[in-house]
């Protein structure tokens, strides 16, 4: 669902034109059709499920706007109703619940005087994820690790899989100092000891690709495939790295939807020849058959597995990867006057805008580094995740 906005951007709202190969390309919205966009997945996890409802938007607009005041609920074939309420850009189920095996579910939305519904969907086979294993490999001359996922369904009924991952890694600022320069006045700074962690941080990134695997052409419903390649020069594995892999078992129609979405969003650009028509999901407008709606009500079983490893576990003798930023210290003279060596006002400006961090020295002779090199909190968090294992 993460690529839905890109799909709209490419195929529904815009008219592109250019005058020559050397002149700038001009873009304008020639025609525009406002359409509801729904991102909804119901799983067998016992939790408060979330649904996002937005609208398509024009190129010159900043982004999608959430649809407010919609009536949203999920109903199962036993008559149970699970209502949702709006909060901070999404609709959240009022109570935790989970999709149950053998039961069918349907999504209902009433927004702006129109009623929408999905087809009845049931939970696919509940197949747990097996192993998640890093494996040394070389791809196109680049040495690194392939993260493999393994799974097996002895009933041979799962067939269609989608994967997401969340990677978290330890960051250590290479030019960290226990002291910090603080602006205390228009022409004054103090060098004080830090009162918070700035050397060791943690950063989390989510996968953005649509990762699909099916076992239709195999004699067994068995998965043993790489889903993430990490170069040995990638700084995310410099110290300690963790990846949480989520496995979704989905039905054939959902798999086809995601496959088409992947093909659309992976085309070579908005001017490529890959210009398919409207991408229909399992949602429709009941009150007006001519009203389009984009998105999918996805009912999937899900399981997950997390692993940790250190760089030296797989690269015991290799040089560690370079840092996220090019780092080197530079000298600045903290003084005020007509001499070009006096850059006190520059230092105060850069400190106030968090562009530099103190590294060493005493006033007026001070050495600084770019902020990310001396303070990891500038691009990551100094709060250790609750799941983290050192």
Protein backbone atom coordinates (compact mmCIF):
# COMPACT_ATOMS: atom_id res chain seq x y z
CA UNK A 1 0.00 0.00 0.00
CA UNK A 2 2.97 2.32 0.47
CA UNK A 3 3.17 2.89 -3.29
CA UNK A 4 -0.47 3.88 -3.79
CA UNK A 5 0.30 7.59 -3.70
CA UNK A 6 3.06 7.12 -6.27
CA UNK A 7 0.64 5.24 -8.50
CA UNK A 8 -1.80 8.13 -8.37
CA UNK A 9 0.97 10.60 -8.98
CA UNK A 10 1.99 8.76 -12.12
CA UNK A 11 -1.25 7.78 -13.72
CA UNK A 12 -4.25 9.81 -12.65
CA UNK A 13 -3.52 13.45 -12.03
CA UNK A 14 -0.82 14.84 -14.30
CA UNK A 15 0.03 16.00 -17.77
CA UNK A 16 3.76 16.23 -18.54
CA UNK A 17 5.29 18.08 -21.43
CA UNK A 18 8.67 19.42 -22.53
CA UNK A 19 9.87 21.61 -25.37
CA UNK A 20 13.32 20.18 -26.07
CA UNK A 21 16.02 17.96 -24.63
CA UNK A 22 17.95 20.94 -23.34
CA UNK A 23 15.10 22.99 -21.88
CA UNK A 24 13.58 22.45 -18.43
CA UNK A 25 10.59 20.13 -18.20
CA UNK A 26 7.37 21.87 -17.25
CA UNK A 27 4.72 20.10 -15.22
CA UNK A 28 1.18 21.13 -14.64
CA UNK A 29 -2.08 19.57 -13.56
CA UNK A 30 -4.22 19.47 -16.68
CA UNK A 31 -6.99 17.24 -15.40
CA UNK A 32 -7.61 15.89 -11.96
CA UNK A 33 -9.96 13.30 -10.52
CA UNK A 34 -10.39 13.26 -6.75
CA UNK A 35 -10.54 9.66 -5.60
CA UNK A 36 -10.63 8.01 -2.20
CA UNK A 37 -7.45 6.06 -1.31
CA UNK A 38 -7.71 3.32 1.33
CA UNK A 39 -4.85 1.49 3.07
CA UNK A 40 -6.20 -1.32 5.22
CA UNK A 41 -4.82 -4.62 6.43
CA UNK A 42 -6.48 -6.93 8.94
CA UNK A 43 -4.28 -9.66 10.40
CA UNK A 44 -4.49 -12.44 12.97
CA UNK A 45 -2.60 -10.24 15.44
CA UNK A 46 -4.63 -9.30 18.52
CA UNK A 47 -4.29 -5.53 18.45
CA UNK A 48 -6.02 -2.28 17.55
CA UNK A 49 -5.94 -2.31 13.78
CA UNK A 50 -5.49 0.86 11.71
CA UNK A 51 -6.94 2.11 8.42
CA UNK A 52 -5.78 5.15 6.45
CA UNK A 53 -8.24 7.00 4.22
CA UNK A 54 -6.96 9.87 2.10
CA UNK A 55 -7.64 11.47 -1.28
CA UNK A 56 -5.63 11.78 -4.44
CA UNK A 57 -3.90 15.14 -4.75
CA UNK A 58 -2.55 17.42 -7.45
CA UNK A 59 1.11 17.70 -8.34
CA UNK A 60 1.35 21.24 -7.00
CA UNK A 61 -0.12 20.22 -3.64
CA UNK A 62 2.09 19.17 -0.74
CA UNK A 63 0.60 15.73 -0.19
CA UNK A 64 -2.53 13.72 0.54
CA UNK A 65 -5.08 14.93 3.04
CA UNK A 66 -6.79 12.60 5.46
CA UNK A 67 -10.51 12.08 5.05
CA UNK A 68 -12.24 13.20 8.25
CA UNK A 69 -15.57 12.26 9.79
CA UNK A 70 -15.90 8.96 7.93
CA UNK A 71 -17.92 6.10 9.36
CA UNK A 72 -15.60 3.09 9.30
CA UNK A 73 -16.17 -0.44 10.54
CA UNK A 74 -15.36 -4.08 9.79
CA UNK A 75 -18.07 -6.71 9.93
CA UNK A 76 -17.62 -10.49 10.00
CA UNK A 77 -19.95 -13.18 8.68
CA UNK A 78 -21.17 -13.90 12.21
CA UNK A 79 -22.56 -10.38 12.52
CA UNK A 80 -19.83 -8.99 14.79
CA UNK A 81 -19.05 -5.34 14.09
CA UNK A 82 -15.70 -3.68 14.86
CA UNK A 83 -16.02 0.14 14.69
CA UNK A 84 -13.08 2.50 14.10
CA UNK A 85 -12.49 6.06 15.31
CA UNK A 86 -10.34 8.81 13.80
CA UNK A 87 -7.14 9.91 15.50
CA UNK A 88 -4.10 11.73 14.10
CA UNK A 89 -4.49 10.91 10.42
CA UNK A 90 -5.80 7.35 10.71
CA UNK A 91 -8.76 5.31 11.84
CA UNK A 92 -8.15 2.97 14.79
CA UNK A 93 -10.35 0.12 15.96
CA UNK A 94 -12.08 0.92 19.23
CA UNK A 95 -11.10 -2.45 20.68
CA UNK A 96 -8.27 -4.89 19.98
CA UNK A 97 -9.38 -7.82 17.83
CA UNK A 98 -7.94 -10.30 15.36
CA UNK A 99 -8.94 -12.10 12.19
CA UNK A 100 -9.94 -15.68 12.99
CA UNK A 101 -9.51 -18.73 10.81
CA UNK A 102 -12.65 -19.77 8.94
CA UNK A 103 -14.40 -16.43 9.38
CA UNK A 104 -15.02 -13.86 6.63
CA UNK A 105 -14.60 -10.10 7.00
CA UNK A 106 -15.84 -7.05 5.10
CA UNK A 107 -14.81 -3.39 5.34
CA UNK A 108 -17.43 -0.62 5.21
CA UNK A 109 -16.74 3.10 4.77
CA UNK A 110 -19.18 5.99 4.56
CA UNK A 111 -17.45 9.23 3.56
CA UNK A 112 -18.79 12.45 2.03
CA UNK A 113 -22.27 11.03 1.50
CA UNK A 114 -21.04 7.94 -0.33
CA UNK A 115 -20.88 4.36 0.91
CA UNK A 116 -18.06 1.97 0.07
CA UNK A 117 -17.50 -1.69 0.85
CA UNK A 118 -15.04 -4.47 0.18
CA UNK A 119 -15.60 -8.01 -0.90
CA UNK A 120 -15.81 -10.66 1.82
CA UNK A 121 -12.30 -11.80 2.68
CA UNK A 122 -11.11 -14.67 4.85
CA UNK A 123 -7.85 -15.34 6.65
CA UNK A 124 -5.37 -17.40 4.61
CA UNK A 125 -3.38 -20.30 6.06
CA UNK A 126 -1.53 -19.36 9.24
CA UNK A 127 2.06 -20.35 8.45
CA UNK A 128 4.77 -19.21 10.90
CA UNK A 129 7.98 -17.73 9.58
CA UNK A 130 10.94 -20.08 9.92
CA UNK A 131 14.51 -18.85 10.07
CA UNK A 132 16.03 -15.48 9.23
CA UNK A 133 19.69 -15.99 8.37
CA UNK A 134 22.51 -13.69 7.17
CA UNK A 135 24.67 -15.33 4.50
CA UNK A 136 27.96 -14.07 3.09
CA UNK A 137 27.73 -13.38 -0.63
CA UNK A 138 29.07 -11.23 -3.46
CA UNK A 139 26.73 -9.46 -5.85
CA UNK A 140 28.04 -7.68 -8.95
CA UNK A 141 31.46 -7.53 -7.36
CA UNK A 142 30.15 -6.17 -4.05
CA UNK A 143 30.79 -8.24 -0.95
CA UNK A 144 28.12 -8.29 1.70
CA UNK A 145 25.33 -10.19 3.42
CA UNK A 146 22.10 -11.56 2.03
CA UNK A 147 19.36 -11.79 4.63
CA UNK A 148 17.51 -15.03 3.85
CA UNK A 149 14.04 -15.90 5.07
CA UNK A 150 12.87 -19.49 5.37
CA UNK A 151 9.34 -20.78 5.73
CA UNK A 152 7.49 -24.04 5.13
CA UNK A 153 3.81 -24.95 4.92
CA UNK A 154 3.37 -28.76 5.03
CA UNK A 155 -0.28 -28.36 3.94
CA UNK A 156 0.89 -26.73 0.68
CA UNK A 157 -1.88 -24.12 0.88
CA UNK A 158 -0.13 -20.84 1.75
CA UNK A 159 1.43 -20.24 -1.68
CA UNK A 160 1.47 -16.41 -1.64
CA UNK A 161 3.80 -14.46 0.62
CA UNK A 162 4.66 -10.81 1.15
CA UNK A 163 7.56 -9.61 3.30
CA UNK A 164 8.38 -6.41 5.13
CA UNK A 165 11.30 -5.68 7.39
CA UNK A 166 12.32 -3.19 10.02
CA UNK A 167 16.04 -2.75 10.59
CA UNK A 168 17.54 -1.14 13.68
CA UNK A 169 21.21 -0.43 14.14
CA UNK A 170 23.61 1.06 16.65
CA UNK A 171 25.25 4.38 15.74
CA UNK A 172 28.43 5.69 17.37
CA UNK A 173 29.51 9.26 16.69
CA UNK A 174 33.25 9.08 15.81
CA UNK A 175 34.08 12.63 16.97
CA UNK A 176 32.02 12.65 20.13
CA UNK A 177 33.14 14.78 23.05
CA UNK A 178 31.94 14.64 26.64
CA UNK A 179 31.72 18.44 26.49
CA UNK A 180 29.43 20.68 24.47
CA UNK A 181 29.59 24.29 23.31
CA UNK A 182 26.51 26.25 24.35
CA UNK A 183 25.62 29.78 23.25
CA UNK A 184 25.03 31.91 26.35
CA UNK A 185 24.81 35.37 24.83
CA UNK A 186 25.17 37.46 21.65
CA UNK A 187 28.96 37.15 21.89
CA UNK A 188 29.54 34.37 24.40
CA UNK A 189 29.63 30.61 24.60
CA UNK A 190 30.36 28.16 27.40
CA UNK A 191 31.98 24.74 27.19
CA UNK A 192 30.03 22.48 29.56
CA UNK A 193 29.79 18.76 30.17
CA UNK A 194 26.93 17.09 28.32
CA UNK A 195 23.84 16.18 30.31
CA UNK A 196 22.52 13.63 27.78
CA UNK A 197 23.82 10.77 25.62
CA UNK A 198 25.19 11.90 22.26
CA UNK A 199 27.78 9.24 21.40
CA UNK A 200 25.67 6.07 21.14
CA UNK A 201 22.32 6.10 19.36
CA UNK A 202 19.92 3.78 17.57
CA UNK A 203 18.16 4.25 14.26
CA UNK A 204 15.28 2.33 12.71
CA UNK A 205 14.42 2.16 9.01
CA UNK A 206 11.47 0.39 7.41
CA UNK A 207 11.52 -1.44 4.12
CA UNK A 208 9.95 0.38 1.18
CA UNK A 209 10.02 -2.29 -1.53
CA UNK A 210 7.11 -4.62 -2.20
CA UNK A 211 8.66 -8.06 -1.60
CA UNK A 212 6.55 -10.87 -3.03
CA UNK A 213 7.24 -14.59 -3.28
CA UNK A 214 4.95 -17.38 -4.45
CA UNK A 215 5.51 -21.14 -4.51
CA UNK A 216 3.06 -22.09 -7.26
CA UNK A 217 5.79 -23.55 -9.45
CA UNK A 218 7.39 -25.57 -6.65
CA UNK A 219 6.66 -29.10 -5.54
CA UNK A 220 6.65 -27.92 -1.92
CA UNK A 221 5.30 -24.79 -0.27
CA UNK A 222 8.77 -23.86 0.95
CA UNK A 223 10.52 -20.47 1.07
CA UNK A 224 14.29 -20.01 1.15
CA UNK A 225 14.91 -16.62 -0.43
CA UNK A 226 16.96 -13.45 0.16
CA UNK A 227 14.93 -10.33 0.94
CA UNK A 228 17.68 -7.83 1.83
CA UNK A 229 21.27 -7.36 0.64
CA UNK A 230 23.65 -5.30 2.79
CA UNK A 231 27.06 -4.32 1.45
CA UNK A 232 30.04 -4.74 3.78
CA UNK A 233 30.60 -1.00 3.23
CA UNK A 234 27.16 -0.05 4.51
CA UNK A 235 27.51 1.85 7.84
CA UNK A 236 24.30 0.35 9.25
CA UNK A 237 26.23 -2.82 10.13
CA UNK A 238 29.35 -1.10 11.49
CA UNK A 239 28.54 -2.05 15.08
CA UNK A 240 25.42 -4.01 15.97
CA UNK A 241 22.48 -4.59 13.66
CA UNK A 242 19.02 -6.07 14.07
CA UNK A 243 16.35 -6.91 11.53
CA UNK A 244 12.71 -7.77 12.21
CA UNK A 245 11.19 -9.64 9.27
CA UNK A 246 7.41 -9.86 8.91
CA UNK A 247 5.82 -12.56 6.77
CA UNK A 248 2.30 -12.06 5.42
CA UNK A 249 0.43 -14.99 3.91
CA UNK A 250 -2.15 -13.61 1.48
CA UNK A 251 -4.62 -14.86 -1.10
CA UNK A 252 -4.13 -14.96 -4.86
CA UNK A 253 -6.12 -11.78 -5.57
CA UNK A 254 -4.18 -9.77 -3.00
CA UNK A 255 -0.91 -11.13 -4.35
CA UNK A 256 -1.91 -10.07 -7.88
CA UNK A 257 -2.83 -6.59 -6.64
CA UNK A 258 0.54 -6.08 -4.96
CA UNK A 259 2.35 -7.52 -7.98
CA UNK A 260 0.64 -5.02 -10.28
CA UNK A 261 1.32 -2.21 -7.85
CA UNK A 262 4.99 -3.20 -7.76
CA UNK A 263 5.19 -3.21 -11.56
CA UNK A 264 3.59 0.22 -11.77
CA UNK A 265 5.71 1.86 -9.09
CA UNK A 266 8.86 0.18 -10.42
CA UNK A 267 8.50 1.45 -13.96
CA UNK A 268 11.21 3.71 -15.31
CA UNK A 269 9.30 6.89 -14.69
CA UNK A 270 6.14 8.73 -15.54
CA UNK A 271 7.09 9.04 -19.21
CA UNK A 272 7.82 5.34 -19.71
CA UNK A 273 5.66 3.15 -21.90
CA UNK A 274 4.41 1.21 -18.88
CA UNK A 275 1.13 3.11 -18.49
CA UNK A 276 -1.54 0.63 -17.36
CA UNK A 277 -5.09 1.62 -16.63
CA UNK A 278 -6.81 2.12 -13.33
CA UNK A 279 -5.72 -0.36 -10.68
CA UNK A 280 -8.82 -1.93 -9.17
CA UNK A 281 -8.73 -3.60 -5.78
CA UNK A 282 -11.51 -5.29 -3.84
CA UNK A 283 -13.30 -2.06 -2.88
CA UNK A 284 -16.26 -0.44 -4.62
CA UNK A 285 -18.70 2.40 -4.15
CA UNK A 286 -22.13 0.96 -3.37
CA UNK A 287 -24.03 4.24 -3.65
CA UNK A 288 -22.57 5.19 -7.05
CA UNK A 289 -21.05 2.51 -9.31
CA UNK A 290 -19.30 5.21 -11.37
CA UNK A 291 -17.30 6.46 -8.38
CA UNK A 292 -13.78 5.06 -8.27
CA UNK A 293 -11.90 4.04 -5.15
CA UNK A 294 -8.27 3.00 -4.84
CA UNK A 295 -6.85 0.56 -2.36
CA UNK A 296 -7.31 -2.87 -0.89
CA UNK A 297 -8.87 -4.48 2.14
CA UNK A 298 -6.14 -7.02 2.87
CA UNK A 299 -6.79 -9.90 5.27
CA UNK A 300 -3.52 -11.74 5.91
CA UNK A 301 -1.96 -13.99 8.49
CA UNK A 302 1.31 -12.61 9.81
CA UNK A 303 4.30 -13.86 11.75
CA UNK A 304 7.65 -12.29 12.50
CA UNK A 305 11.18 -13.04 13.61
CA UNK A 306 14.02 -10.80 14.80
CA UNK A 307 17.76 -11.46 14.69
CA UNK A 308 20.86 -9.56 15.85
CA UNK A 309 24.46 -9.67 14.68
CA UNK A 310 27.69 -7.69 14.89
CA UNK A 311 29.93 -6.69 12.01
CA UNK A 312 32.79 -8.83 13.32
CA UNK A 313 30.56 -11.92 13.36
CA UNK A 314 30.84 -12.04 9.57
CA UNK A 315 33.78 -9.77 8.75
CA UNK A 316 36.43 -10.55 11.40
CA UNK A 317 39.38 -8.95 9.58
CA UNK A 318 37.85 -6.41 7.18
CA UNK A 319 37.92 -2.66 7.75
CA UNK A 320 34.73 -1.38 9.30
CA UNK A 321 32.42 0.56 6.95
CA UNK A 322 32.83 4.33 6.69
CA UNK A 323 30.61 6.52 8.84
CA UNK A 324 27.31 7.89 7.53
CA UNK A 325 28.96 11.29 6.98
CA UNK A 326 32.44 12.40 5.97
CA UNK A 327 33.98 13.61 9.21
CA UNK A 328 37.01 15.75 9.99
CA UNK A 329 37.70 18.35 12.63
CA UNK A 330 38.28 21.99 11.72
CA UNK A 331 39.74 24.92 13.63
CA UNK A 332 37.82 28.12 14.39
CA UNK A 333 38.98 31.11 16.43
CA UNK A 334 36.32 32.37 18.82
CA UNK A 335 36.89 36.10 18.85
CA UNK A 336 35.28 39.27 17.56
CA UNK A 337 37.02 41.99 15.64
CA UNK A 338 38.23 43.06 12.24
CA UNK A 339 40.71 40.22 11.82
CA UNK A 340 39.53 37.62 9.29
CA UNK A 341 40.65 34.93 11.74
CA UNK A 342 38.00 36.03 14.23
CA UNK A 343 34.85 34.07 13.43
CA UNK A 344 32.95 34.37 16.70
CA UNK A 345 29.70 35.39 15.04
CA UNK A 346 29.98 32.46 12.61
CA UNK A 347 30.51 30.04 15.50
CA UNK A 348 27.46 31.37 17.32
CA UNK A 349 25.36 31.13 14.16
CA UNK A 350 26.45 27.57 13.39
CA UNK A 351 25.89 26.47 16.99
CA UNK A 352 22.43 28.02 17.11
CA UNK A 353 21.49 26.31 13.84
CA UNK A 354 22.98 23.01 15.07
CA UNK A 355 25.40 22.75 12.14
CA UNK A 356 28.56 22.17 14.18
CA UNK A 357 29.51 20.38 17.39
CA UNK A 358 32.39 21.12 19.73
CA UNK A 359 35.18 18.53 19.68
CA UNK A 360 38.19 19.87 21.59
CA UNK A 361 40.20 22.94 22.55
CA UNK A 362 39.87 25.90 24.89
CA UNK A 363 38.66 29.38 24.06
CA UNK A 364 39.47 31.09 21.85
CA UNK A 365 41.14 28.20 19.93
CA UNK A 366 38.40 25.67 19.32
CA UNK A 367 37.99 22.62 17.10
CA UNK A 368 34.60 21.61 15.75
CA UNK A 369 33.06 18.92 13.55
CA UNK A 370 29.88 18.74 11.54
CA UNK A 371 27.10 17.98 14.00
CA UNK A 372 26.32 14.38 12.89
CA UNK A 373 29.98 13.50 13.46
CA UNK A 374 29.91 14.59 17.10
CA UNK A 375 26.27 14.17 18.08
CA UNK A 376 24.41 11.09 16.89
CA UNK A 377 21.08 12.47 18.13
CA UNK A 378 21.11 14.83 15.13
CA UNK A 379 19.90 11.94 12.93
CA UNK A 380 19.05 9.10 15.30
CA UNK A 381 17.75 8.48 18.82
CA UNK A 382 19.72 8.07 22.04
CA UNK A 383 16.89 5.97 23.51
CA UNK A 384 17.73 2.27 23.42
CA UNK A 385 14.81 0.28 21.97
CA UNK A 386 13.05 -1.99 24.46
CA UNK A 387 13.81 -5.06 22.33
CA UNK A 388 17.52 -4.32 21.98
CA UNK A 389 19.99 -6.98 23.11
CA UNK A 390 23.67 -6.04 23.36
